[in-house]
């Protein structure tokens, strides 16, 4: 099959990683993969498994990019594309319009976020063939816009083989030595883009409480502030200074190999205010980490209502601190929750499963083209 993926994301995050993993997996199975990206994107180099001629640069700045749609349509016709798959909300309408212009290609979208779609999109995307939801809550939202038979839930997946033979003890020692974290410290970490929605401010407020009862606790925040002025990152640093926790906090912009940092921590925290899925949580699960997460829809689905981690109310840093403290005080509970999390991740969230289910959708749609 010949598949065009479309994403206007400028920076690299969870949704973009999903697209990279999916594209690589499909390419390994012999499908011809093409990608349309904005000219100013910062992550095209991650598609190092695709030739240069398989890329289209197109400016998708808003939902009604008619000129961009025309450019995409020409690329679709020229390359005999069968499936056009859009991955961001502002890409949906131009992608659907491109399929109308090109006529034969089938239009697919993936919804990665919980924000409801607008009712007018039901009509603007009338030629949609399939809408993919990354979680059951997203699926419910999509079913309010599109016919139920057009919606399919496919959870994000993780490459289990990359984690199967990880030497966590060695990685733990090396990571802590590299970043001057005492080997006997209790390390609590969170991973995600630095922005209010991801809850790093709540994480720091919880850290202040934890530090009072746990003098051996250290904290780590991993993530970039992708805003122009980086004001949120500066705010977080100021807050840490006010609480006099600078000596116990590690800030890292980005860690490509998350296995090492996850091996180093004792408790993984997700304090997000909203999460449709949560790839960072899933990586912590496959690493067998004890997890504390705010009760977002994504976290509840992944952690199965406290079976593989502790859930606390959103916007409640005190309760977040209490749950983390309980795990710090109970090594056996940390081990039990971590093992439960690992088993759930292995059973339900493999990358192979995600690729299989997506490929099956494409195949079914291509059959209708031939008919």
Protein backbone atom coordinates (compact mmCIF):
# COMPACT_ATOMS: atom_id res chain seq x y z
CA UNK A 1 0.00 0.00 0.00
CA UNK A 2 1.03 3.61 -0.57
CA UNK A 3 0.27 5.72 2.51
CA UNK A 4 0.67 9.45 3.11
CA UNK A 5 0.86 10.60 6.73
CA UNK A 6 0.20 14.29 7.41
CA UNK A 7 1.32 16.21 10.50
CA UNK A 8 1.79 19.96 10.89
CA UNK A 9 3.51 19.60 14.29
CA UNK A 10 6.55 21.83 14.63
CA UNK A 11 8.14 20.05 17.60
CA UNK A 12 8.47 16.41 18.62
CA UNK A 13 6.20 14.90 21.28
CA UNK A 14 4.08 11.85 22.07
CA UNK A 15 1.84 12.13 19.01
CA UNK A 16 4.84 12.55 16.74
CA UNK A 17 6.56 9.56 18.28
CA UNK A 18 3.40 7.55 17.61
CA UNK A 19 3.62 8.57 13.94
CA UNK A 20 7.33 7.68 13.70
CA UNK A 21 6.78 4.23 15.24
CA UNK A 22 3.78 3.54 13.02
CA UNK A 23 5.56 4.68 9.86
CA UNK A 24 8.67 2.65 10.60
CA UNK A 25 6.64 -0.47 11.34
CA UNK A 26 4.61 -0.15 8.14
CA UNK A 27 7.74 0.50 6.08
CA UNK A 28 9.33 -2.67 7.48
CA UNK A 29 6.28 -4.58 6.24
CA UNK A 30 6.89 -3.39 2.69
CA UNK A 31 4.43 -0.50 2.46
CA UNK A 32 5.49 2.70 0.70
CA UNK A 33 5.33 5.49 3.28
CA UNK A 34 5.16 9.21 2.44
CA UNK A 35 5.04 12.07 4.94
CA UNK A 36 3.76 15.65 4.64
CA UNK A 37 5.31 18.01 7.21
CA UNK A 38 5.44 21.75 7.72
CA UNK A 39 8.64 23.31 6.30
CA UNK A 40 9.73 24.58 9.74
CA UNK A 41 9.36 21.24 11.54
CA UNK A 42 12.15 20.18 13.91
CA UNK A 43 11.78 16.40 13.71
CA UNK A 44 11.99 15.22 10.09
CA UNK A 45 15.42 13.69 10.78
CA UNK A 46 13.68 11.03 12.85
CA UNK A 47 12.25 9.60 9.62
CA UNK A 48 15.75 8.43 8.69
CA UNK A 49 14.31 5.22 7.25
CA UNK A 50 12.55 7.10 4.41
CA UNK A 51 14.12 8.55 1.23
CA UNK A 52 14.07 12.32 0.69
CA UNK A 53 11.67 12.07 -2.24
CA UNK A 54 8.99 10.63 0.06
CA UNK A 55 8.56 13.96 1.88
CA UNK A 56 6.23 16.82 1.05
CA UNK A 57 6.68 20.18 2.76
CA UNK A 58 3.44 22.08 3.06
CA UNK A 59 2.33 24.95 5.32
CA UNK A 60 -0.75 23.87 7.27
CA UNK A 61 -1.31 26.87 9.55
CA UNK A 62 -5.07 26.56 10.00
CA UNK A 63 -8.01 24.29 9.34
CA UNK A 64 -8.98 25.84 6.01
CA UNK A 65 -5.76 25.61 3.99
CA UNK A 66 -7.21 25.36 0.48
CA UNK A 67 -3.90 26.01 -1.25
CA UNK A 68 -2.21 23.44 0.97
CA UNK A 69 -4.98 20.95 0.16
CA UNK A 70 -4.36 21.47 -3.55
CA UNK A 71 -0.63 20.86 -3.07
CA UNK A 72 -1.32 17.68 -1.10
CA UNK A 73 -3.78 16.49 -3.75
CA UNK A 74 -1.18 16.93 -6.49
CA UNK A 75 1.31 14.91 -4.41
CA UNK A 76 -1.31 12.20 -3.84
CA UNK A 77 -2.03 11.86 -7.56
CA UNK A 78 1.64 12.01 -8.55
CA UNK A 79 2.62 9.25 -6.10
CA UNK A 80 -0.53 7.11 -6.52
CA UNK A 81 -1.32 7.40 -2.80
CA UNK A 82 -4.09 5.09 -1.60
CA UNK A 83 -4.43 6.22 2.04
CA UNK A 84 -4.15 9.77 3.40
CA UNK A 85 -3.81 9.73 7.19
CA UNK A 86 -3.99 13.03 9.15
CA UNK A 87 -2.72 13.24 12.73
CA UNK A 88 -3.50 16.75 14.03
CA UNK A 89 -6.81 18.59 14.28
CA UNK A 90 -5.82 21.47 12.00
CA UNK A 91 -4.75 18.95 9.36
CA UNK A 92 -8.10 17.18 9.10
CA UNK A 93 -10.00 19.53 6.79
CA UNK A 94 -7.12 20.19 4.33
CA UNK A 95 -6.43 16.44 4.21
CA UNK A 96 -10.09 15.62 3.58
CA UNK A 97 -10.27 18.29 0.89
CA UNK A 98 -7.13 16.91 -0.74
CA UNK A 99 -8.78 13.49 -0.94
CA UNK A 100 -11.85 15.04 -2.57
CA UNK A 101 -9.65 16.72 -5.18
CA UNK A 102 -7.52 13.62 -5.79
CA UNK A 103 -10.70 11.45 -5.83
CA UNK A 104 -9.34 7.93 -5.26
CA UNK A 105 -7.44 8.14 -1.96
CA UNK A 106 -9.16 7.12 1.29
CA UNK A 107 -9.12 9.60 4.18
CA UNK A 108 -8.20 8.47 7.72
CA UNK A 109 -7.59 10.56 10.83
CA UNK A 110 -6.22 9.81 14.28
CA UNK A 111 -7.46 11.76 17.28
CA UNK A 112 -4.80 12.01 20.01
CA UNK A 113 -6.51 14.54 22.31
CA UNK A 114 -9.64 14.76 24.44
CA UNK A 115 -10.77 18.20 23.28
CA UNK A 116 -14.17 17.74 21.59
CA UNK A 117 -14.34 18.24 17.85
CA UNK A 118 -16.68 20.91 16.48
CA UNK A 119 -20.11 19.83 15.17
CA UNK A 120 -19.44 21.47 11.79
CA UNK A 121 -16.56 19.01 11.27
CA UNK A 122 -19.13 16.25 10.85
CA UNK A 123 -20.13 17.90 7.57
CA UNK A 124 -16.72 19.29 6.59
CA UNK A 125 -15.24 15.79 6.90
CA UNK A 126 -18.06 14.02 5.12
CA UNK A 127 -15.63 11.95 3.03
CA UNK A 128 -13.90 10.50 6.10
CA UNK A 129 -13.37 6.74 5.81
CA UNK A 130 -12.18 5.99 9.34
CA UNK A 131 -11.46 7.90 12.57
CA UNK A 132 -8.95 6.26 14.91
CA UNK A 133 -9.13 7.04 18.66
CA UNK A 134 -6.15 6.39 20.94
CA UNK A 135 -8.34 5.66 23.98
CA UNK A 136 -11.90 4.73 24.86
CA UNK A 137 -12.73 8.27 26.02
CA UNK A 138 -11.51 9.73 22.74
CA UNK A 139 -13.58 7.07 20.99
CA UNK A 140 -16.70 8.24 22.82
CA UNK A 141 -16.04 11.82 21.76
CA UNK A 142 -15.57 10.83 18.12
CA UNK A 143 -18.80 8.84 18.12
CA UNK A 144 -20.64 12.08 18.92
CA UNK A 145 -19.39 13.51 15.62
CA UNK A 146 -19.11 10.55 13.24
CA UNK A 147 -21.13 7.41 12.62
CA UNK A 148 -20.12 4.68 15.05
CA UNK A 149 -19.00 2.33 12.29
CA UNK A 150 -16.49 4.93 11.13
CA UNK A 151 -14.74 5.04 14.52
CA UNK A 152 -12.15 2.55 15.72
CA UNK A 153 -10.21 2.57 18.99
CA UNK A 154 -6.53 1.62 18.60
CA UNK A 155 -4.37 2.19 21.67
CA UNK A 156 -0.85 3.52 21.29
CA UNK A 157 1.76 0.81 21.51
CA UNK A 158 5.34 0.39 22.64
CA UNK A 159 8.14 -1.72 21.15
CA UNK A 160 8.29 -4.40 23.84
CA UNK A 161 11.42 -5.98 22.38
CA UNK A 162 13.37 -2.79 23.12
CA UNK A 163 12.69 -3.27 26.82
CA UNK A 164 12.81 -7.06 27.12
CA UNK A 165 16.51 -7.44 28.00
CA UNK A 166 17.17 -4.15 29.74
CA UNK A 167 19.73 -4.31 32.55
CA UNK A 168 17.95 -1.89 34.88
CA UNK A 169 20.45 -2.14 37.73
CA UNK A 170 23.37 -1.15 35.51
CA UNK A 171 21.39 1.68 33.90
CA UNK A 172 20.30 2.88 37.33
CA UNK A 173 23.89 3.11 38.60
CA UNK A 174 25.19 4.78 35.44
CA UNK A 175 22.40 7.38 35.24
CA UNK A 176 22.72 8.35 38.89
CA UNK A 177 26.50 8.59 38.69
CA UNK A 178 26.27 10.76 35.55
CA UNK A 179 23.89 13.21 37.23
CA UNK A 180 25.39 13.15 40.74
CA UNK A 181 22.36 11.54 42.37
CA UNK A 182 23.32 9.49 45.46
CA UNK A 183 22.94 5.75 44.94
CA UNK A 184 20.80 5.44 48.09
CA UNK A 185 18.53 8.42 47.30
CA UNK A 186 14.84 7.96 46.59
CA UNK A 187 14.31 9.52 43.17
CA UNK A 188 10.88 10.71 41.99
CA UNK A 189 10.59 11.72 38.33
CA UNK A 190 8.16 13.06 35.75
CA UNK A 191 8.45 13.28 31.95
CA UNK A 192 6.58 15.54 29.55
CA UNK A 193 6.59 18.81 27.64
CA UNK A 194 6.87 21.74 30.03
CA UNK A 195 3.46 23.37 30.01
CA UNK A 196 0.72 24.05 32.54
CA UNK A 197 -1.47 21.19 31.26
CA UNK A 198 1.23 18.62 32.11
CA UNK A 199 1.16 19.54 35.80
CA UNK A 200 4.84 20.17 36.55
CA UNK A 201 3.84 23.00 38.91
CA UNK A 202 1.74 20.52 40.92
CA UNK A 203 4.70 18.13 40.91
CA UNK A 204 6.93 20.79 42.49
CA UNK A 205 4.28 21.67 45.08
CA UNK A 206 4.07 17.96 45.97
CA UNK A 207 7.88 17.78 46.13
CA UNK A 208 7.91 20.51 48.76
CA UNK A 209 5.68 18.37 50.99
CA UNK A 210 7.62 15.17 50.33
CA UNK A 211 10.93 16.84 51.12
CA UNK A 212 9.70 17.64 54.66
CA UNK A 213 9.22 13.93 55.51
CA UNK A 214 11.82 12.34 53.25
CA UNK A 215 15.25 13.99 53.55
CA UNK A 216 16.67 11.43 51.15
CA UNK A 217 14.21 12.24 48.34
CA UNK A 218 15.43 13.75 45.07
CA UNK A 219 13.31 14.95 42.18
CA UNK A 220 13.65 15.02 38.39
CA UNK A 221 11.72 16.87 35.67
CA UNK A 222 12.38 15.83 32.07
CA UNK A 223 10.92 17.86 29.23
CA UNK A 224 11.31 20.90 27.02
CA UNK A 225 9.47 24.19 27.13
CA UNK A 226 8.62 24.63 23.44
CA UNK A 227 7.13 28.09 23.90
CA UNK A 228 8.95 31.07 22.39
CA UNK A 229 9.95 32.80 25.64
CA UNK A 230 10.31 29.68 27.85
CA UNK A 231 8.42 31.48 30.62
CA UNK A 232 6.93 28.35 32.20
CA UNK A 233 10.35 26.74 32.60
CA UNK A 234 11.61 29.88 34.34
CA UNK A 235 8.54 29.88 36.60
CA UNK A 236 9.21 26.29 37.63
CA UNK A 237 12.84 27.07 38.40
CA UNK A 238 11.80 30.08 40.51
CA UNK A 239 9.36 27.93 42.47
CA UNK A 240 12.07 25.38 43.20
CA UNK A 241 14.36 28.17 44.40
CA UNK A 242 11.65 29.60 46.68
CA UNK A 243 11.22 26.16 48.27
CA UNK A 244 15.01 25.85 48.66
CA UNK A 245 15.03 22.57 46.72
CA UNK A 246 17.62 23.44 44.07
CA UNK A 247 20.14 20.90 45.42
CA UNK A 248 17.56 18.13 45.19
CA UNK A 249 16.12 18.85 41.73
CA UNK A 250 17.42 17.69 38.35
CA UNK A 251 16.14 19.35 35.18
CA UNK A 252 16.74 17.65 31.82
CA UNK A 253 15.52 19.05 28.51
CA UNK A 254 15.30 15.74 26.71
CA UNK A 255 16.46 12.15 27.16
CA UNK A 256 16.36 10.08 23.98
CA UNK A 257 16.85 6.79 25.83
CA UNK A 258 14.14 6.89 28.49
CA UNK A 259 15.06 3.40 29.74
CA UNK A 260 18.04 4.83 31.64
CA UNK A 261 16.11 7.55 33.45
CA UNK A 262 13.22 5.22 34.24
CA UNK A 263 15.67 2.68 35.64
CA UNK A 264 17.07 5.38 37.90
CA UNK A 265 13.79 6.45 39.51
CA UNK A 266 11.83 4.84 42.33
CA UNK A 267 8.47 6.48 41.64
CA UNK A 268 7.21 7.82 38.31
CA UNK A 269 4.69 10.67 38.49
CA UNK A 270 2.20 12.02 35.95
CA UNK A 271 0.48 15.12 37.31
CA UNK A 272 -1.26 16.04 34.04
CA UNK A 273 -4.54 17.92 34.13
CA UNK A 274 -5.74 16.15 30.98
CA UNK A 275 -4.36 13.10 29.18
CA UNK A 276 -5.98 11.10 26.41
CA UNK A 277 -3.47 8.28 26.66
CA UNK A 278 0.03 8.90 28.07
CA UNK A 279 3.04 7.32 26.36
CA UNK A 280 5.29 8.39 29.24
CA UNK A 281 3.08 6.44 31.64
CA UNK A 282 3.18 3.43 29.34
CA UNK A 283 7.00 3.50 29.25
CA UNK A 284 7.07 3.65 33.04
CA UNK A 285 4.73 0.65 33.10
CA UNK A 286 6.87 -1.51 30.82
CA UNK A 287 9.88 -0.52 32.96
CA UNK A 288 8.13 -1.89 36.04
CA UNK A 289 8.14 1.43 37.88
CA UNK A 290 5.75 2.32 40.68
CA UNK A 291 3.46 5.03 39.31
CA UNK A 292 1.41 7.85 40.81
CA UNK A 293 -0.85 9.66 38.35
CA UNK A 294 -3.60 12.23 38.43
CA UNK A 295 -7.00 10.82 37.47
CA UNK A 296 -7.02 11.79 33.81
CA UNK A 297 -9.00 9.60 31.43
CA UNK A 298 -5.79 8.27 29.91
CA UNK A 299 -4.19 7.40 33.25
CA UNK A 300 -7.33 5.64 34.51
CA UNK A 301 -7.45 3.51 31.38
CA UNK A 302 -3.77 2.59 31.51
CA UNK A 303 -3.53 1.96 35.24
CA UNK A 304 -6.89 0.19 35.35
CA UNK A 305 -8.19 2.08 38.39
CA UNK A 306 -5.27 1.51 40.80
CA UNK A 307 -4.38 -2.06 39.79
CA UNK A 308 -0.99 -0.99 38.45
CA UNK A 309 -0.45 2.39 40.08
CA UNK A 310 -1.95 4.94 42.44
CA UNK A 311 -4.44 7.49 41.14
CA UNK A 312 -5.12 10.83 42.81
CA UNK A 313 -7.49 13.71 41.98
CA UNK A 314 -6.36 16.28 39.41
CA UNK A 315 -5.16 19.65 40.82
CA UNK A 316 -4.43 18.10 44.25
CA UNK A 317 -0.67 18.36 44.95
CA UNK A 318 -1.14 17.46 48.63
CA UNK A 319 -2.84 14.18 47.74
CA UNK A 320 -0.18 13.65 45.08
CA UNK A 321 2.47 14.03 47.79
CA UNK A 322 0.64 11.64 50.12
CA UNK A 323 0.44 8.93 47.45
CA UNK A 324 4.12 9.32 46.55
CA UNK A 325 5.06 9.26 50.22
CA UNK A 326 3.12 6.04 50.74
CA UNK A 327 5.12 4.37 47.97
CA UNK A 328 8.42 5.72 49.25
CA UNK A 329 7.63 4.14 52.62
CA UNK A 330 6.66 0.75 51.16
CA UNK A 331 9.18 -0.97 48.93
CA UNK A 332 7.05 -4.11 48.65
CA UNK A 333 4.07 -2.10 47.37
CA UNK A 334 6.30 -0.37 44.83
CA UNK A 335 7.48 -3.73 43.55
CA UNK A 336 3.95 -5.18 43.34
CA UNK A 337 2.48 -2.21 41.48
CA UNK A 338 5.49 -2.11 39.16
CA UNK A 339 5.14 -5.75 38.23
CA UNK A 340 1.39 -5.41 37.69
CA UNK A 341 2.05 -2.44 35.42
CA UNK A 342 4.65 -4.34 33.40
CA UNK A 343 2.30 -7.28 32.82
CA UNK A 344 -0.57 -5.04 31.68
CA UNK A 345 1.74 -3.19 29.28
CA UNK A 346 3.01 -6.45 27.78
CA UNK A 347 -0.49 -7.87 27.39
CA UNK A 348 -2.34 -4.86 25.97
CA UNK A 349 0.00 -2.24 24.56
CA UNK A 350 2.50 -3.74 22.15
CA UNK A 351 3.60 -1.73 19.12
CA UNK A 352 3.00 -4.81 16.97
CA UNK A 353 -0.66 -4.86 18.00
CA UNK A 354 -1.07 -1.17 17.18
CA UNK A 355 0.51 -1.57 13.75
CA UNK A 356 -1.52 -4.72 12.99
CA UNK A 357 -4.82 -3.01 13.76
CA UNK A 358 -3.93 0.12 11.77
CA UNK A 359 -2.72 -1.94 8.82
CA UNK A 360 -5.99 -3.91 8.84
CA UNK A 361 -7.97 -0.67 8.53
CA UNK A 362 -5.86 0.38 5.56
CA UNK A 363 -6.30 -3.00 3.88
CA UNK A 364 -10.09 -2.92 4.27
CA UNK A 365 -10.23 0.59 2.80
CA UNK A 366 -7.97 -0.34 -0.12
CA UNK A 367 -10.27 -3.24 -0.92
CA UNK A 368 -13.12 -0.75 -1.40
CA UNK A 369 -10.92 1.24 -3.81
CA UNK A 370 -10.43 -1.87 -5.96
CA UNK A 371 -14.15 -2.61 -5.91
